[in-house]
Amino acid sequence: MNLQILSYLFLIFIFISCIGDDFVDDAVEPELRITTLVDTIRQGDSFQFEVMYLNNVGQQENVEVSWNSSNNSVLTIDQNGLANAVKTGNVIVTASYESDNSIIEDQIEVVVGMETVINNITRSGTIQVTSNYILKGNFTLSENNDGLLLEIDESYEASENLPGLYIYLTNNPSTTAGAFEIGAVTVFEGTHSYDIPNSVQLNQYSHVLYFCKPFNVKIGDGEFIN
């Protein structure tokens, strides 16, 4: 009986120690995000642009998007996002969606040139703790041959007694709903990395998220700054 009571009190202690805030607001600003990472399109070629809409809880929804080119003599684009590179020059491609009498949009600058160039960027950010535990470090996300690679640098440190700590990619740093679960955290100090499958796009998510999975409590997060 005493053992059962002690076990119960221990679970309560873990749950309370996980919590940084009593209440969490899951709402985020709706966002339209062009996910195509192209710098230059070869003159005379066609190119398909992709876009995603995220609602006020960071969940992806299918919506009707309008596409526009700032200079149709350089590049045209139809309402399915298919662009045709007409002549050399620079152009702004805009995707927009009208929601609740407001217009949400995203833009990308594109060059029409001699060859198509896809941006190979590295995204980065810093982990911020939101609980009573230790959690800190910097991270980068980049493409590799088989998908993506999330790398945590040497400044990383996390409390080893964190119960059921998991890491995610998400568009809503307040919840794991709709997040991509990378896996359980097994490294608590120093450099390490996670392989992300090629089903995940480089700019599909806005945050790295750490959650106490057994109790569904946030421990910390880090926003990509690019």
Foldseek 3Di string as FASTA:
>chain_A
DVVVVVVVVVVVVLLVQLALDPDFDQFDDKAKAWQFQWAEAEAFDKDATDIWIAHGNRATDDDQKAKDKPDVCQKGAHSRRIIHGHDFDKIKMKIWDQDPNDIHIDIDIYTHHHHIDGDFDKWKKWKDWRGNWDFTFIWIWGADDFAIKIKTAQQTATDPPNAFKWKWFGAGQRFCVNIHTQGTDDDGGGIDMGDDGNVDGRPPGFKMFIANPVNRGGTIMIGTPD
